Amino acid sequence: MSPGASVVLFGGLAKERPYPGSTVVTTFNAGITGLVKTLAVEMAPHRVHALHPGLIGDSPKWRDVPNPPHSAQTPIGRLVTMAEIADATDFLLRNTGINAHDLYIDGGLLAT
């Protein structure tokens, strides 16, 4: 890896908000957090992060669904967008002052 390189792994909110039938996904997402912490130490000075998106309102799975789950429950009153996920990923890749971080992009759903 070149100097200043960074890695972003993707998990999800099932780590914090499991649902019936989510055992495998919840376990996988929790493992991402552990992986980020160990890789940040092992790959230093390279940086490693995890991004955990909520439901993405304009993704192919949800964009045509009327009243998708959780949209009214977020403090921002809607689901996050693909552009917001891309922007968060760019932030983690660019900002050299952040390392070994789990970033939740969920419109504040975890606060509710």
PDB file of N, CA and C in Angstrom:
ATOM      1  N   MET A   1       0.844  -1.172   0.000  1.00  0.00           N
ATOM      2  CA  MET A   1       0.000   0.000   0.000  1.00  0.00           C
ATOM      3  C   MET A   1       0.892   1.239   0.000  1.00  0.00           C
ATOM      4  N   SER A   2       0.429   2.239  -0.701  1.00  0.00           N
ATOM      5  CA  SER A   2       1.207   3.478  -0.768  1.00  0.00           C
ATOM      6  C   SER A   2       1.082   4.253   0.545  1.00  0.00           C
ATOM      7  N   PRO A   3       2.057   5.131   0.825  1.00  0.00           N
ATOM      8  CA  PRO A   3       1.976   5.940   2.052  1.00  0.00           C
ATOM      9  C   PRO A   3       0.671   6.736   2.093  1.00  0.00           C
ATOM     10  N   GLY A   4       0.056   6.785   3.259  1.00  0.00           N
ATOM     11  CA  GLY A   4      -1.195   7.510   3.422  1.00  0.00           C
ATOM     12  C   GLY A   4      -2.425   6.738   2.999  1.00  0.00           C
ATOM     13  N   ALA A   5      -2.245   5.492   2.555  1.00  0.00           N
ATOM     14  CA  ALA A   5      -3.388   4.693   2.105  1.00  0.00           C
ATOM     15  C   ALA A   5      -4.316   4.380   3.274  1.00  0.00           C
ATOM     16  N   SER A   6      -5.576   4.174   2.951  1.00  0.00           N
ATOM     17  CA  SER A   6      -6.587   3.899   3.954  1.00  0.00           C
ATOM     18  C   SER A   6      -7.550   2.842   3.425  1.00  0.00           C
ATOM     19  N   VAL A   7      -8.176   2.120   4.351  1.00  0.00           N
ATOM     20  CA  VAL A   7      -9.132   1.074   4.007  1.00  0.00           C
ATOM     21  C   VAL A   7     -10.452   1.382   4.703  1.00  0.00           C
ATOM     22  N   VAL A   8     -11.557   1.201   3.998  1.00  0.00           N
ATOM     23  CA  VAL A   8     -12.888   1.315   4.602  1.00  0.00           C
ATOM     24  C   VAL A   8     -13.626   0.002   4.379  1.00  0.00           C
ATOM     25  N   LEU A   9     -14.035  -0.616   5.470  1.00  0.00           N
ATOM     26  CA  LEU A   9     -14.845  -1.830   5.420  1.00  0.00           C
ATOM     27  C   LEU A   9     -16.296  -1.436   5.662  1.00  0.00           C
ATOM     28  N   PHE A  10     -17.229  -2.196   5.119  1.00  0.00           N
ATOM     29  CA  PHE A  10     -18.645  -1.880   5.267  1.00  0.00           C
ATOM     30  C   PHE A  10     -19.341  -2.940   6.113  1.00  0.00           C
ATOM     31  N   GLY A  11     -20.047  -2.467   7.117  1.00  0.00           N
ATOM     32  CA  GLY A  11     -20.868  -3.322   7.967  1.00  0.00           C
ATOM     33  C   GLY A  11     -22.310  -2.884   7.829  1.00  0.00           C
ATOM     34  N   GLY A  12     -23.000  -2.773   8.942  1.00  0.00           N
ATOM     35  CA  GLY A  12     -24.387  -2.335   8.919  1.00  0.00           C
ATOM     36  C   GLY A  12     -24.945  -2.183  10.315  1.00  0.00           C
ATOM     37  N   LEU A  13     -26.155  -1.674  10.395  1.00  0.00           N
ATOM     38  CA  LEU A  13     -26.779  -1.394  11.689  1.00  0.00           C
ATOM     39  C   LEU A  13     -27.257  -2.632  12.427  1.00  0.00           C
ATOM     40  N   ALA A  14     -27.310  -3.767  11.774  1.00  0.00           N
ATOM     41  CA  ALA A  14     -27.751  -4.974  12.476  1.00  0.00           C
ATOM     42  C   ALA A  14     -26.836  -5.275  13.660  1.00  0.00           C
ATOM     43  N   LYS A  15     -25.627  -4.754  13.620  1.00  0.00           N
ATOM     44  CA  LYS A  15     -24.697  -4.903  14.744  1.00  0.00           C
ATOM     45  C   LYS A  15     -25.289  -4.289  16.007  1.00  0.00           C
ATOM     46  N   GLU A  16     -25.947  -3.169  15.876  1.00  0.00           N
ATOM     47  CA  GLU A  16     -26.514  -2.447  17.009  1.00  0.00           C
ATOM     48  C   GLU A  16     -28.012  -2.673  17.170  1.00  0.00           C
ATOM     49  N   ARG A  17     -28.688  -3.024  16.085  1.00  0.00           N
ATOM     50  CA  ARG A  17     -30.144  -3.225  16.110  1.00  0.00           C
ATOM     51  C   ARG A  17     -30.500  -4.545  15.445  1.00  0.00           C
ATOM     52  N   PRO A  18     -30.207  -5.664  16.114  1.00  0.00           N
ATOM     53  CA  PRO A  18     -30.553  -6.955  15.514  1.00  0.00           C
ATOM     54  C   PRO A  18     -32.061  -7.107  15.345  1.00  0.00           C
ATOM     55  N   TYR A  19     -32.430  -7.931  14.425  1.00  0.00           N
ATOM     56  CA  TYR A  19     -33.843  -8.196  14.146  1.00  0.00           C
ATOM     57  C   TYR A  19     -34.015  -9.700  13.982  1.00  0.00           C
ATOM     58  N   PRO A  20     -35.231 -10.213  14.079  1.00  0.00           N
ATOM     59  CA  PRO A  20     -35.435 -11.659  13.944  1.00  0.00           C
ATOM     60  C   PRO A  20     -34.852 -12.183  12.631  1.00  0.00           C
ATOM     61  N   GLY A  21     -34.049 -13.214  12.737  1.00  0.00           N
ATOM     62  CA  GLY A  21     -33.435 -13.811  11.560  1.00  0.00           C
ATOM     63  C   GLY A  21     -32.107 -13.184  11.168  1.00  0.00           C
ATOM     64  N   SER A  22     -31.602 -12.245  11.966  1.00  0.00           N
ATOM     65  CA  SER A  22     -30.375 -11.527  11.578  1.00  0.00           C
ATOM     66  C   SER A  22     -29.107 -12.053  12.239  1.00  0.00           C
ATOM     67  N   THR A  23     -29.144 -13.232  12.821  1.00  0.00           N
ATOM     68  CA  THR A  23     -27.992 -13.716  13.578  1.00  0.00           C
ATOM     69  C   THR A  23     -26.701 -13.689  12.778  1.00  0.00           C
ATOM     70  N   VAL A  24     -26.723 -14.171  11.558  1.00  0.00           N
ATOM     71  CA  VAL A  24     -25.502 -14.200  10.746  1.00  0.00           C
ATOM     72  C   VAL A  24     -25.051 -12.783  10.394  1.00  0.00           C
ATOM     73  N   VAL A  25     -25.981 -11.947   9.945  1.00  0.00           N
ATOM     74  CA  VAL A  25     -25.638 -10.571   9.573  1.00  0.00           C
ATOM     75  C   VAL A  25     -25.158  -9.781  10.795  1.00  0.00           C
ATOM     76  N   THR A  26     -25.834  -9.927  11.919  1.00  0.00           N
ATOM     77  CA  THR A  26     -25.444  -9.224  13.138  1.00  0.00           C
ATOM     78  C   THR A  26     -24.048  -9.644  13.580  1.00  0.00           C
ATOM     79  N   THR A  27     -23.771 -10.935  13.539  1.00  0.00           N
ATOM     80  CA  THR A  27     -22.455 -11.444  13.927  1.00  0.00           C
ATOM     81  C   THR A  27     -21.373 -10.946  12.974  1.00  0.00           C
ATOM     82  N   PHE A  28     -21.655 -10.969  11.686  1.00  0.00           N
ATOM     83  CA  PHE A  28     -20.702 -10.471  10.693  1.00  0.00           C
ATOM     84  C   PHE A  28     -20.400  -8.989  10.929  1.00  0.00           C
ATOM     85  N   ASN A  29     -21.449  -8.187  11.129  1.00  0.00           N
ATOM     86  CA  ASN A  29     -21.253  -6.754  11.334  1.00  0.00           C
ATOM     87  C   ASN A  29     -20.461  -6.468  12.602  1.00  0.00           C
ATOM     88  N   ALA A  30     -20.698  -7.232  13.658  1.00  0.00           N
ATOM     89  CA  ALA A  30     -19.920  -7.065  14.882  1.00  0.00           C
ATOM     90  C   ALA A  30     -18.464  -7.454  14.651  1.00  0.00           C
ATOM     91  N   GLY A  31     -18.244  -8.478  13.841  1.00  0.00           N
ATOM     92  CA  GLY A  31     -16.875  -8.884  13.519  1.00  0.00           C
ATOM     93  C   GLY A  31     -16.103  -7.822  12.769  1.00  0.00           C
ATOM     94  N   ILE A  32     -16.796  -7.034  11.951  1.00  0.00           N
ATOM     95  CA  ILE A  32     -16.140  -5.935  11.223  1.00  0.00           C
ATOM     96  C   ILE A  32     -15.498  -4.973  12.214  1.00  0.00           C
ATOM     97  N   THR A  33     -16.199  -4.665  13.308  1.00  0.00           N
ATOM     98  CA  THR A  33     -15.654  -3.753  14.314  1.00  0.00           C
ATOM     99  C   THR A  33     -14.367  -4.306  14.907  1.00  0.00           C
ATOM    100  N   GLY A  34     -14.363  -5.574  15.265  1.00  0.00           N
ATOM    101  CA  GLY A  34     -13.152  -6.186  15.800  1.00  0.00           C
ATOM    102  C   GLY A  34     -12.026  -6.205  14.784  1.00  0.00           C
ATOM    103  N   LEU A  35     -12.361  -6.484  13.543  1.00  0.00           N
ATOM    104  CA  LEU A  35     -11.365  -6.503  12.477  1.00  0.00           C
ATOM    105  C   LEU A  35     -10.731  -5.135  12.278  1.00  0.00           C
ATOM    106  N   VAL A  36     -11.551  -4.094  12.311  1.00  0.00           N
ATOM    107  CA  VAL A  36     -11.037  -2.730  12.141  1.00  0.00           C
ATOM    108  C   VAL A  36     -10.017  -2.404  13.224  1.00  0.00           C
ATOM    109  N   LYS A  37     -10.339  -2.741  14.458  1.00  0.00           N
ATOM    110  CA  LYS A  37      -9.434  -2.412  15.573  1.00  0.00           C
ATOM    111  C   LYS A  37      -8.090  -3.130  15.415  1.00  0.00           C
ATOM    112  N   THR A  38      -8.114  -4.424  15.102  1.00  0.00           N
ATOM    113  CA  THR A  38      -6.850  -5.150  14.992  1.00  0.00           C
ATOM    114  C   THR A  38      -6.074  -4.751  13.740  1.00  0.00           C
ATOM    115  N   LEU A  39      -6.770  -4.553  12.613  1.00  0.00           N
ATOM    116  CA  LEU A  39      -6.065  -4.162  11.391  1.00  0.00           C
ATOM    117  C   LEU A  39      -5.439  -2.776  11.509  1.00  0.00           C
ATOM    118  N   ALA A  40      -6.099  -1.859  12.226  1.00  0.00           N
ATOM    119  CA  ALA A  40      -5.522  -0.518  12.401  1.00  0.00           C
ATOM    120  C   ALA A  40      -4.182  -0.597  13.121  1.00  0.00           C
ATOM    121  N   VAL A  41      -4.077  -1.513  14.066  1.00  0.00           N
ATOM    122  CA  VAL A  41      -2.813  -1.691  14.792  1.00  0.00           C
ATOM    123  C   VAL A  41      -1.799  -2.425  13.916  1.00  0.00           C
ATOM    124  N   GLU A  42      -2.235  -3.488  13.266  1.00  0.00           N
ATOM    125  CA  GLU A  42      -1.326  -4.302  12.468  1.00  0.00           C
ATOM    126  C   GLU A  42      -0.862  -3.615  11.189  1.00  0.00           C
ATOM    127  N   MET A  43      -1.694  -2.772  10.610  1.00  0.00           N
ATOM    128  CA  MET A  43      -1.349  -2.129   9.342  1.00  0.00           C
ATOM    129  C   MET A  43      -0.790  -0.721   9.506  1.00  0.00           C
ATOM    130  N   ALA A  44      -0.638  -0.260  10.742  1.00  0.00           N
ATOM    131  CA  ALA A  44      -0.112   1.082  10.980  1.00  0.00           C
ATOM    132  C   ALA A  44       1.185   1.267  10.193  1.00  0.00           C
ATOM    133  N   PRO A  45       1.373   2.408   9.570  1.00  0.00           N
ATOM    134  CA  PRO A  45       0.655   3.665   9.728  1.00  0.00           C
ATOM    135  C   PRO A  45      -0.576   3.806   8.813  1.00  0.00           C
ATOM    136  N   HIS A  46      -0.918   2.764   8.071  1.00  0.00           N
ATOM    137  CA  HIS A  46      -2.120   2.850   7.237  1.00  0.00           C
ATOM    138  C   HIS A  46      -3.353   2.852   8.143  1.00  0.00           C
ATOM    139  N   ARG A  47      -4.397   3.491   7.693  1.00  0.00           N
ATOM    140  CA  ARG A  47      -5.607   3.654   8.486  1.00  0.00           C
ATOM    141  C   ARG A  47      -6.687   2.684   8.022  1.00  0.00           C
ATOM    142  N   VAL A  48      -7.494   2.223   8.984  1.00  0.00           N
ATOM    143  CA  VAL A  48      -8.577   1.272   8.683  1.00  0.00           C
ATOM    144  C   VAL A  48      -9.830   1.736   9.421  1.00  0.00           C
ATOM    145  N   HIS A  49     -10.958   1.733   8.724  1.00  0.00           N
ATOM    146  CA  HIS A  49     -12.227   2.188   9.290  1.00  0.00           C
ATOM    147  C   HIS A  49     -13.349   1.233   8.898  1.00  0.00           C
ATOM    148  N   ALA A  50     -14.502   1.427   9.546  1.00  0.00           N
ATOM    149  CA  ALA A  50     -15.725   0.728   9.135  1.00  0.00           C
ATOM    150  C   ALA A  50     -16.838   1.751   9.002  1.00  0.00           C
ATOM    151  N   LEU A  51     -17.640   1.584   7.979  1.00  0.00           N
ATOM    152  CA  LEU A  51     -18.821   2.416   7.785  1.00  0.00           C
ATOM    153  C   LEU A  51     -20.039   1.505   7.917  1.00  0.00           C
ATOM    154  N   HIS A  52     -20.958   1.910   8.778  1.00  0.00           N
ATOM    155  CA  HIS A  52     -22.161   1.119   9.044  1.00  0.00           C
ATOM    156  C   HIS A  52     -23.379   1.930   8.616  1.00  0.00           C
ATOM    157  N   PRO A  53     -23.852   1.750   7.384  1.00  0.00           N
ATOM    158  CA  PRO A  53     -25.028   2.508   6.940  1.00  0.00           C
ATOM    159  C   PRO A  53     -26.331   1.921   7.465  1.00  0.00           C
ATOM    160  N   GLY A  54     -27.319   2.798   7.592  1.00  0.00           N
ATOM    161  CA  GLY A  54     -28.685   2.351   7.834  1.00  0.00           C
ATOM    162  C   GLY A  54     -29.305   1.986   6.495  1.00  0.00           C
ATOM    163  N   LEU A  55     -30.628   1.891   6.463  1.00  0.00           N
ATOM    164  CA  LEU A  55     -31.293   1.665   5.182  1.00  0.00           C
ATOM    165  C   LEU A  55     -31.009   2.858   4.279  1.00  0.00           C
ATOM    166  N   ILE A  56     -30.726   2.585   3.018  1.00  0.00           N
ATOM    167  CA  ILE A  56     -30.369   3.638   2.069  1.00  0.00           C
ATOM    168  C   ILE A  56     -31.575   3.850   1.157  1.00  0.00           C
ATOM    169  N   GLY A  57     -32.231   4.996   1.352  1.00  0.00           N
ATOM    170  CA  GLY A  57     -33.522   5.254   0.736  1.00  0.00           C
ATOM    171  C   GLY A  57     -33.561   5.231  -0.775  1.00  0.00           C
ATOM    172  N   ASP A  58     -32.467   5.650  -1.426  1.00  0.00           N
ATOM    173  CA  ASP A  58     -32.480   5.666  -2.890  1.00  0.00           C
ATOM    174  C   ASP A  58     -31.722   4.489  -3.495  1.00  0.00           C
ATOM    175  N   SER A  59     -31.471   3.459  -2.694  1.00  0.00           N
ATOM    176  CA  SER A  59     -30.839   2.250  -3.235  1.00  0.00           C
ATOM    177  C   SER A  59     -31.882   1.466  -4.024  1.00  0.00           C
ATOM    178  N   PRO A  60     -31.449   0.597  -4.933  1.00  0.00           N
ATOM    179  CA  PRO A  60     -32.408  -0.174  -5.719  1.00  0.00           C
ATOM    180  C   PRO A  60     -33.411  -0.964  -4.858  1.00  0.00           C
ATOM    181  N   LYS A  61     -32.990  -1.408  -3.676  1.00  0.00           N
ATOM    182  CA  LYS A  61     -33.896  -2.185  -2.826  1.00  0.00           C
ATOM    183  C   LYS A  61     -35.033  -1.335  -2.253  1.00  0.00           C
ATOM    184  N   TRP A  62     -34.775  -0.063  -1.938  1.00  0.00           N
ATOM    185  CA  TRP A  62     -35.752   0.738  -1.205  1.00  0.00           C
ATOM    186  C   TRP A  62     -36.350   1.903  -1.978  1.00  0.00           C
ATOM    187  N   ARG A  63     -35.782   2.312  -3.099  1.00  0.00           N
ATOM    188  CA  ARG A  63     -36.237   3.556  -3.751  1.00  0.00           C
ATOM    189  C   ARG A  63     -37.682   3.533  -4.228  1.00  0.00           C
ATOM    190  N   ASP A  64     -38.222   2.374  -4.547  1.00  0.00           N
ATOM    191  CA  ASP A  64     -39.606   2.300  -5.033  1.00  0.00           C
ATOM    192  C   ASP A  64     -40.586   1.786  -3.972  1.00  0.00           C
ATOM    193  N   VAL A  65     -40.111   1.671  -2.732  1.00  0.00           N
ATOM    194  CA  VAL A  65     -40.965   1.170  -1.655  1.00  0.00           C
ATOM    195  C   VAL A  65     -41.629   2.362  -0.970  1.00  0.00           C
ATOM    196  N   PRO A  66     -42.964   2.424  -0.983  1.00  0.00           N
ATOM    197  CA  PRO A  66     -43.621   3.518  -0.271  1.00  0.00           C
ATOM    198  C   PRO A  66     -43.472   3.321   1.243  1.00  0.00           C
ATOM    199  N   ASN A  67     -43.119   4.376   1.931  1.00  0.00           N
ATOM    200  CA  ASN A  67     -42.937   4.342   3.394  1.00  0.00           C
ATOM    201  C   ASN A  67     -42.014   3.207   3.843  1.00  0.00           C
ATOM    202  N   PRO A  68     -40.749   3.227   3.397  1.00  0.00           N
ATOM    203  CA  PRO A  68     -39.840   2.156   3.813  1.00  0.00           C
ATOM    204  C   PRO A  68     -39.664   2.148   5.332  1.00  0.00           C
ATOM    205  N   PRO A  69     -39.293   0.989   5.886  1.00  0.00           N
ATOM    206  CA  PRO A  69     -39.151   0.890   7.342  1.00  0.00           C
ATOM    207  C   PRO A  69     -38.160   1.910   7.882  1.00  0.00           C
ATOM    208  N   HIS A  70     -38.411   2.415   9.041  1.00  0.00           N
ATOM    209  CA  HIS A  70     -37.543   3.333   9.792  1.00  0.00           C
ATOM    210  C   HIS A  70     -37.483   4.757   9.254  1.00  0.00           C
ATOM    211  N   SER A  71     -38.012   5.055   8.076  1.00  0.00           N
ATOM    212  CA  SER A  71     -37.846   6.396   7.519  1.00  0.00           C
ATOM    213  C   SER A  71     -38.434   7.470   8.423  1.00  0.00           C
ATOM    214  N   ALA A  72     -39.573   7.216   9.029  1.00  0.00           N
ATOM    215  CA  ALA A  72     -40.187   8.214   9.905  1.00  0.00           C
ATOM    216  C   ALA A  72     -39.543   8.227  11.291  1.00  0.00           C
ATOM    217  N   GLN A  73     -38.779   7.192  11.628  1.00  0.00           N
ATOM    218  CA  GLN A  73     -38.162   7.099  12.954  1.00  0.00           C
ATOM    219  C   GLN A  73     -36.842   7.851  13.052  1.00  0.00           C
ATOM    220  N   THR A  74     -36.235   8.195  11.938  1.00  0.00           N
ATOM    221  CA  THR A  74     -34.947   8.887  12.001  1.00  0.00           C
ATOM    222  C   THR A  74     -35.164  10.344  12.369  1.00  0.00           C
ATOM    223  N   PRO A  75     -34.283  10.920  13.168  1.00  0.00           N
ATOM    224  CA  PRO A  75     -34.405  12.334  13.496  1.00  0.00           C
ATOM    225  C   PRO A  75     -34.373  13.254  12.274  1.00  0.00           C
ATOM    226  N   ILE A  76     -33.778  12.801  11.171  1.00  0.00           N
ATOM    227  CA  ILE A  76     -33.778  13.642   9.964  1.00  0.00           C
ATOM    228  C   ILE A  76     -35.052  13.436   9.151  1.00  0.00           C
ATOM    229  N   GLY A  77     -35.901  12.487   9.565  1.00  0.00           N
ATOM    230  CA  GLY A  77     -37.200  12.279   8.931  1.00  0.00           C
ATOM    231  C   GLY A  77     -37.169  11.553   7.609  1.00  0.00           C
ATOM    232  N   ARG A  78     -36.059  10.918   7.296  1.00  0.00           N
ATOM    233  CA  ARG A  78     -35.920  10.191   6.030  1.00  0.00           C
ATOM    234  C   ARG A  78     -34.773   9.206   6.160  1.00  0.00           C
ATOM    235  N   LEU A  79     -34.646   8.351   5.171  1.00  0.00           N
ATOM    236  CA  LEU A  79     -33.496   7.447   5.117  1.00  0.00           C
ATOM    237  C   LEU A  79     -32.310   8.181   4.496  1.00  0.00           C
ATOM    238  N   VAL A  80     -31.112   7.681   4.749  1.00  0.00           N
ATOM    239  CA  VAL A  80     -29.922   8.273   4.147  1.00  0.00           C
ATOM    240  C   VAL A  80     -29.880   7.943   2.658  1.00  0.00           C
ATOM    241  N   THR A  81     -29.031   8.652   1.924  1.00  0.00           N
ATOM    242  CA  THR A  81     -28.927   8.472   0.477  1.00  0.00           C
ATOM    243  C   THR A  81     -27.588   7.837   0.102  1.00  0.00           C
ATOM    244  N   MET A  82     -27.526   7.327  -1.107  1.00  0.00           N
ATOM    245  CA  MET A  82     -26.268   6.764  -1.606  1.00  0.00           C
ATOM    246  C   MET A  82     -25.187   7.836  -1.649  1.00  0.00           C
ATOM    247  N   ALA A  83     -25.547   9.066  -2.000  1.00  0.00           N
ATOM    248  CA  ALA A  83     -24.570  10.164  -2.034  1.00  0.00           C
ATOM    249  C   ALA A  83     -24.005  10.424  -0.641  1.00  0.00           C
ATOM    250  N   GLU A  84     -24.840  10.314   0.387  1.00  0.00           N
ATOM    251  CA  GLU A  84     -24.352  10.524   1.754  1.00  0.00           C
ATOM    252  C   GLU A  84     -23.411   9.403   2.191  1.00  0.00           C
ATOM    253  N   ILE A  85     -23.683   8.192   1.748  1.00  0.00           N
ATOM    254  CA  ILE A  85     -22.785   7.068   2.052  1.00  0.00           C
ATOM    255  C   ILE A  85     -21.454   7.267   1.336  1.00  0.00           C
ATOM    256  N   ALA A  86     -21.507   7.678   0.071  1.00  0.00           N
ATOM    257  CA  ALA A  86     -20.273   7.938  -0.681  1.00  0.00           C
ATOM    258  C   ALA A  86     -19.467   9.063  -0.033  1.00  0.00           C
ATOM    259  N   ASP A  87     -20.139  10.117   0.413  1.00  0.00           N
ATOM    260  CA  ASP A  87     -19.456  11.235   1.053  1.00  0.00           C
ATOM    261  C   ASP A  87     -18.789  10.796   2.359  1.00  0.00           C
ATOM    262  N   ALA A  88     -19.476   9.974   3.135  1.00  0.00           N
ATOM    263  CA  ALA A  88     -18.901   9.477   4.382  1.00  0.00           C
ATOM    264  C   ALA A  88     -17.683   8.592   4.111  1.00  0.00           C
ATOM    265  N   THR A  89     -17.767   7.784   3.080  1.00  0.00           N
ATOM    266  CA  THR A  89     -16.632   6.941   2.698  1.00  0.00           C
ATOM    267  C   THR A  89     -15.447   7.802   2.289  1.00  0.00           C
ATOM    268  N   ASP A  90     -15.714   8.826   1.484  1.00  0.00           N
ATOM    269  CA  ASP A  90     -14.665   9.755   1.064  1.00  0.00           C
ATOM    270  C   ASP A  90     -14.016  10.427   2.276  1.00  0.00           C
ATOM    271  N   PHE A  91     -14.835  10.848   3.238  1.00  0.00           N
ATOM    272  CA  PHE A  91     -14.312  11.464   4.460  1.00  0.00           C
ATOM    273  C   PHE A  91     -13.338  10.531   5.176  1.00  0.00           C
ATOM    274  N   LEU A  92     -13.744   9.261   5.352  1.00  0.00           N
ATOM    275  CA  LEU A  92     -12.873   8.316   6.052  1.00  0.00           C
ATOM    276  C   LEU A  92     -11.580   8.065   5.288  1.00  0.00           C
ATOM    277  N   LEU A  93     -11.652   8.064   3.966  1.00  0.00           N
ATOM    278  CA  LEU A  93     -10.446   7.844   3.162  1.00  0.00           C
ATOM    279  C   LEU A  93      -9.515   9.064   3.165  1.00  0.00           C
ATOM    280  N   ARG A  94     -10.092  10.263   3.154  1.00  0.00           N
ATOM    281  CA  ARG A  94      -9.299  11.497   3.047  1.00  0.00           C
ATOM    282  C   ARG A  94      -8.715  11.993   4.353  1.00  0.00           C
ATOM    283  N   ASN A  95      -9.502  11.944   5.416  1.00  0.00           N
ATOM    284  CA  ASN A  95      -9.105  12.598   6.655  1.00  0.00           C
ATOM    285  C   ASN A  95      -8.044  11.773   7.372  1.00  0.00           C
ATOM    286  N   THR A  96      -6.811  12.249   7.349  1.00  0.00           N
ATOM    287  CA  THR A  96      -5.687  11.487   7.913  1.00  0.00           C
ATOM    288  C   THR A  96      -5.634  11.541   9.436  1.00  0.00           C
ATOM    289  N   GLY A  97      -6.503  12.301  10.063  1.00  0.00           N
ATOM    290  CA  GLY A  97      -6.512  12.390  11.516  1.00  0.00           C
ATOM    291  C   GLY A  97      -7.443  11.393  12.183  1.00  0.00           C
ATOM    292  N   ILE A  98      -8.080  10.549  11.403  1.00  0.00           N
ATOM    293  CA  ILE A  98      -9.018   9.584  11.970  1.00  0.00           C
ATOM    294  C   ILE A  98      -8.561   8.165  11.609  1.00  0.00           C
ATOM    295  N   ASN A  99      -8.649   7.266  12.598  1.00  0.00           N
ATOM    296  CA  ASN A  99      -8.208   5.894  12.381  1.00  0.00           C
ATOM    297  C   ASN A  99      -8.989   4.962  13.304  1.00  0.00           C
ATOM    298  N   ALA A 100      -9.224   3.737  12.845  1.00  0.00           N
ATOM    299  CA  ALA A 100      -9.872   2.682  13.632  1.00  0.00           C
ATOM    300  C   ALA A 100     -11.251   3.109  14.118  1.00  0.00           C
ATOM    301  N   HIS A 101     -12.011   3.745  13.245  1.00  0.00           N
ATOM    302  CA  HIS A 101     -13.307   4.308  13.639  1.00  0.00           C
ATOM    303  C   HIS A 101     -14.463   3.554  13.002  1.00  0.00           C
ATOM    304  N   ASP A 102     -15.530   3.356  13.779  1.00  0.00           N
ATOM    305  CA  ASP A 102     -16.809   2.849  13.267  1.00  0.00           C
ATOM    306  C   ASP A 102     -17.706   4.055  13.060  1.00  0.00           C
ATOM    307  N   LEU A 103     -18.087   4.320  11.830  1.00  0.00           N
ATOM    308  CA  LEU A 103     -18.938   5.471  11.523  1.00  0.00           C
ATOM    309  C   LEU A 103     -20.323   4.976  11.127  1.00  0.00           C
ATOM    310  N   TYR A 104     -21.340   5.463  11.831  1.00  0.00           N
ATOM    311  CA  TYR A 104     -22.723   5.103  11.551  1.00  0.00           C
ATOM    312  C   TYR A 104     -23.359   6.221  10.739  1.00  0.00           C
ATOM    313  N   ILE A 105     -23.860   5.880   9.562  1.00  0.00           N
ATOM    314  CA  ILE A 105     -24.572   6.824   8.707  1.00  0.00           C
ATOM    315  C   ILE A 105     -26.005   6.303   8.631  1.00  0.00           C
ATOM    316  N   ASP A 106     -26.828   6.797   9.542  1.00  0.00           N
ATOM    317  CA  ASP A 106     -28.164   6.221   9.704  1.00  0.00           C
ATOM    318  C   ASP A 106     -29.248   7.269   9.915  1.00  0.00           C
ATOM    319  N   GLY A 107     -28.925   8.531   9.708  1.00  0.00           N
ATOM    320  CA  GLY A 107     -29.912   9.591   9.922  1.00  0.00           C
ATOM    321  C   GLY A 107     -30.280   9.774  11.378  1.00  0.00           C
ATOM    322  N   GLY A 108     -29.466   9.215  12.285  1.00  0.00           N
ATOM    323  CA  GLY A 108     -29.727   9.321  13.716  1.00  0.00           C
ATOM    324  C   GLY A 108     -30.603   8.214  14.258  1.00  0.00           C
ATOM    325  N   LEU A 109     -30.837   7.172  13.486  1.00  0.00           N
ATOM    326  CA  LEU A 109     -31.722   6.082  13.906  1.00  0.00           C
ATOM    327  C   LEU A 109     -31.278   5.467  15.219  1.00  0.00           C
ATOM    328  N   LEU A 110     -29.975   5.339  15.445  1.00  0.00           N
ATOM    329  CA  LEU A 110     -29.506   4.724  16.679  1.00  0.00           C
ATOM    330  C   LEU A 110     -29.822   5.572  17.909  1.00  0.00           C
ATOM    331  N   ALA A 111     -30.118   6.836  17.714  1.00  0.00           N
ATOM    332  CA  ALA A 111     -30.458   7.706  18.853  1.00  0.00           C
ATOM    333  C   ALA A 111     -31.919   7.546  19.267  1.00  0.00           C
ATOM    334  N   THR A 112     -32.700   6.871  18.441  1.00  0.00           N
ATOM    335  CA  THR A 112     -34.136   6.750  18.753  1.00  0.00           C
ATOM    336  C   THR A 112     -34.451   5.426  19.397  1.00  0.00           C
TER     337      THR A 112
END
